[in-house]
Amino acid sequence: MPVSHDLYQDLHYPREIVQQRRQQDPQLDRLLDEYIDIDNQVLAGESISAGNFVDEDLRHLKERRLAIKYLIERQLEHKG
């Protein structure tokens, strides 16, 4: 069964800090929303019921998710 990545663990920032910064930074808020949306698409694509997903599409989504995670990291470091 597909499992969502723990973004906060990957970022090495506590959830509380990220959420606090999110409220103060519209760019970070947008990036986090985008990450969650793409992560949900990846999970749907990996699930057994989503047999209509092509491997290439799933790979592309995972690459976008990773790119957004890097942007989130940069945004957190920039404003930190």
C-alpha atoms as a PDB file:
ATOM      1  CA  MET A   1       0.000   0.000   0.000  1.00  0.00           C
ATOM      2  CA  PRO A   2       1.417   3.425  -0.951  1.00  0.00           C
ATOM      3  CA  VAL A   3       2.350   5.707   1.932  1.00  0.00           C
ATOM      4  CA  SER A   4       2.707   9.468   1.883  1.00  0.00           C
ATOM      5  CA  HIS A   5       6.184  10.855   2.495  1.00  0.00           C
ATOM      6  CA  ASP A   6       6.693  12.602   5.821  1.00  0.00           C
ATOM      7  CA  LEU A   7       7.610  15.984   4.411  1.00  0.00           C
ATOM      8  CA  TYR A   8       8.453  17.455   7.812  1.00  0.00           C
ATOM      9  CA  GLN A   9      10.927  14.694   8.552  1.00  0.00           C
ATOM     10  CA  ASP A  10      12.498  15.142   5.116  1.00  0.00           C
ATOM     11  CA  LEU A  11      12.804  18.888   5.697  1.00  0.00           C
ATOM     12  CA  HIS A  12      14.321  18.451   9.171  1.00  0.00           C
ATOM     13  CA  TYR A  13      11.960  21.115  10.496  1.00  0.00           C
ATOM     14  CA  PRO A  14       9.294  20.484  13.141  1.00  0.00           C
ATOM     15  CA  ARG A  15       5.740  20.617  11.831  1.00  0.00           C
ATOM     16  CA  GLU A  16       4.926  23.506  14.183  1.00  0.00           C
ATOM     17  CA  ILE A  17       7.738  25.656  12.790  1.00  0.00           C
ATOM     18  CA  VAL A  18       6.773  24.955   9.183  1.00  0.00           C
ATOM     19  CA  GLN A  19       3.112  25.730   9.879  1.00  0.00           C
ATOM     20  CA  GLN A  20       4.028  28.948  11.661  1.00  0.00           C
ATOM     21  CA  ARG A  21       6.273  30.027   8.785  1.00  0.00           C
ATOM     22  CA  ARG A  22       3.577  29.023   6.324  1.00  0.00           C
ATOM     23  CA  GLN A  23       1.168  31.530   7.844  1.00  0.00           C
ATOM     24  CA  GLN A  24       3.729  34.312   7.393  1.00  0.00           C
ATOM     25  CA  ASP A  25       4.979  33.392   3.917  1.00  0.00           C
ATOM     26  CA  PRO A  26       2.493  33.172   1.008  1.00  0.00           C
ATOM     27  CA  GLN A  27       5.127  31.611  -1.286  1.00  0.00           C
ATOM     28  CA  LEU A  28       5.818  28.825   1.216  1.00  0.00           C
ATOM     29  CA  ASP A  29       2.080  28.322   1.681  1.00  0.00           C
ATOM     30  CA  ARG A  30       1.610  27.919  -2.080  1.00  0.00           C
ATOM     31  CA  LEU A  31       4.536  25.490  -2.370  1.00  0.00           C
ATOM     32  CA  LEU A  32       3.255  23.346   0.494  1.00  0.00           C
ATOM     33  CA  ASP A  33      -0.221  23.208  -1.067  1.00  0.00           C
ATOM     34  CA  GLU A  34       1.315  22.207  -4.396  1.00  0.00           C
ATOM     35  CA  TYR A  35       3.471  19.537  -2.730  1.00  0.00           C
ATOM     36  CA  ILE A  36       0.457  18.030  -0.949  1.00  0.00           C
ATOM     37  CA  ASP A  37      -1.559  18.011  -4.182  1.00  0.00           C
ATOM     38  CA  ILE A  38       1.193  16.252  -6.146  1.00  0.00           C
ATOM     39  CA  ASP A  39       1.895  13.837  -3.288  1.00  0.00           C
ATOM     40  CA  ASN A  40      -1.785  12.852  -3.334  1.00  0.00           C
ATOM     41  CA  GLN A  41      -1.582  12.308  -7.106  1.00  0.00           C
ATOM     42  CA  VAL A  42       1.487  10.089  -6.632  1.00  0.00           C
ATOM     43  CA  LEU A  43      -0.297   8.064  -3.957  1.00  0.00           C
ATOM     44  CA  ALA A  44      -3.309   7.652  -6.220  1.00  0.00           C
ATOM     45  CA  GLY A  45      -1.056   6.590  -9.081  1.00  0.00           C
ATOM     46  CA  GLU A  46       0.715   4.036  -6.899  1.00  0.00           C
ATOM     47  CA  SER A  47      -2.478   2.538  -5.555  1.00  0.00           C
ATOM     48  CA  ILE A  48      -3.736  -0.693  -7.020  1.00  0.00           C
ATOM     49  CA  SER A  49      -7.039   0.894  -8.050  1.00  0.00           C
ATOM     50  CA  ALA A  50      -5.261   3.405 -10.289  1.00  0.00           C
ATOM     51  CA  GLY A  51      -4.280   0.962 -13.005  1.00  0.00           C
ATOM     52  CA  ASN A  52      -4.763   3.649 -15.638  1.00  0.00           C
ATOM     53  CA  PHE A  53      -1.587   5.467 -14.563  1.00  0.00           C
ATOM     54  CA  VAL A  54       1.381   5.032 -16.887  1.00  0.00           C
ATOM     55  CA  ASP A  55       4.811   4.534 -15.297  1.00  0.00           C
ATOM     56  CA  GLU A  56       6.143   7.562 -17.153  1.00  0.00           C
ATOM     57  CA  ASP A  57       3.356   9.763 -15.761  1.00  0.00           C
ATOM     58  CA  LEU A  58       4.068   8.543 -12.253  1.00  0.00           C
ATOM     59  CA  ARG A  59       7.797   9.167 -12.677  1.00  0.00           C
ATOM     60  CA  HIS A  60       7.065  12.697 -13.867  1.00  0.00           C
ATOM     61  CA  LEU A  61       4.856  13.370 -10.831  1.00  0.00           C
ATOM     62  CA  LYS A  62       7.548  12.081  -8.491  1.00  0.00           C
ATOM     63  CA  GLU A  63      10.104  14.348 -10.139  1.00  0.00           C
ATOM     64  CA  ARG A  64       7.777  17.350  -9.733  1.00  0.00           C
ATOM     65  CA  ARG A  65       7.173  16.429  -6.092  1.00  0.00           C
ATOM     66  CA  LEU A  66      10.925  16.281  -5.462  1.00  0.00           C
ATOM     67  CA  ALA A  67      11.510  19.596  -7.233  1.00  0.00           C
ATOM     68  CA  ILE A  68       8.833  21.263  -5.110  1.00  0.00           C
ATOM     69  CA  LYS A  69      10.349  19.779  -1.950  1.00  0.00           C
ATOM     70  CA  TYR A  70      13.666  21.410  -2.874  1.00  0.00           C
ATOM     71  CA  LEU A  71      11.897  24.732  -3.431  1.00  0.00           C
ATOM     72  CA  ILE A  72      10.263  24.394  -0.011  1.00  0.00           C
ATOM     73  CA  GLU A  73      13.655  23.701   1.564  1.00  0.00           C
ATOM     74  CA  ARG A  74      15.140  26.773  -0.111  1.00  0.00           C
ATOM     75  CA  GLN A  75      12.219  28.917   0.986  1.00  0.00           C
ATOM     76  CA  LEU A  76      12.592  27.750   4.594  1.00  0.00           C
ATOM     77  CA  GLU A  77      16.349  28.375   4.555  1.00  0.00           C
ATOM     78  CA  HIS A  78      15.982  31.746   2.841  1.00  0.00           C
ATOM     79  CA  LYS A  79      13.558  33.146   5.391  1.00  0.00           C
ATOM     80  CA  GLY A  80      15.154  31.391   8.361  1.00  0.00           C
END
